[in-house]
Amino acid sequence: MRNPIRGERDAFALAFGAAALIFASIVAGAVLDPVVGIAVLLGGGVGAVVWSLRTSDPDRRRPLREAAAEGRRRAPQTARRRVLVIANRTLQGSELGEIMRGHGDAVFRVVAPIVVSRVHYLASDVDRELAEARERLAAALAWAREEGLEASGTVGDPFVALGAIEDELRVFGPDEVVISTYAPGKSNWLETGIVARLREELEIPVRHVTVDREPAASPAR
């Protein structure tokens, strides 16, 4: 949603538009019928709200895009593709493994943002979640080495998951992002709109891999 008032000019335009709409509704009500005047007023108001909701704000900061652009400027010049993998509970899914195999000699960076339960979040008790994420990440990186893939990774900050992704975009400068989640209805990440935001902000390909079932103990071999 865009901010409709970003300066004096926008404030003047908004006031002028509101006055024009009220005037038009009064004229329509006087010339035609009071009901028509009310309809014009309501219709114009609803139309303005819909336009505001559907129009993106060109001045809104896009931190993920800015971070990715900075990362690409810093990244060493190489022909090898850099792929940022975002996954946690689906790290060991066969679907993600197949995607990684299909990237040939790409360089992978895996970030595993923590999915913290609400109770543990409120209590700041995330030790179990951190331990599980580290185990999944270690297993995924070991699998990558066995497959001959170059990969490194980190576990994200449990309290700023999106911030962990932003940091990796800035440091790694990927050419592509692969995000793996459970299927709709089973994924907390999808409910937060993280995939949509990545696709909206980033100017590089964002591939979404869904896992319909609990991953096995290790990626598909």
Foldseek 3Di string as FASTA:
>chain_A
DADQDPDPVSVVVVVVVLVVQLVVLVVCCVPPNNVSSVVSNVVVVVVVVVCRVPDDHPPDDQLLAVLLVLQQVPDDDDPAAEEEEEEFQCLFEQQVVVVQLVSPAHAYEYEYAFDDDPVCVVVVNCVVSVVRRVVSQVQSVVVCVVSVYHYYYDYDDNVCRVVRSSNCSNNNNGQEYEYEAADPPPGPCVVVVVQVSCVVRHPHYYHYHHDHDRHDPHHDD
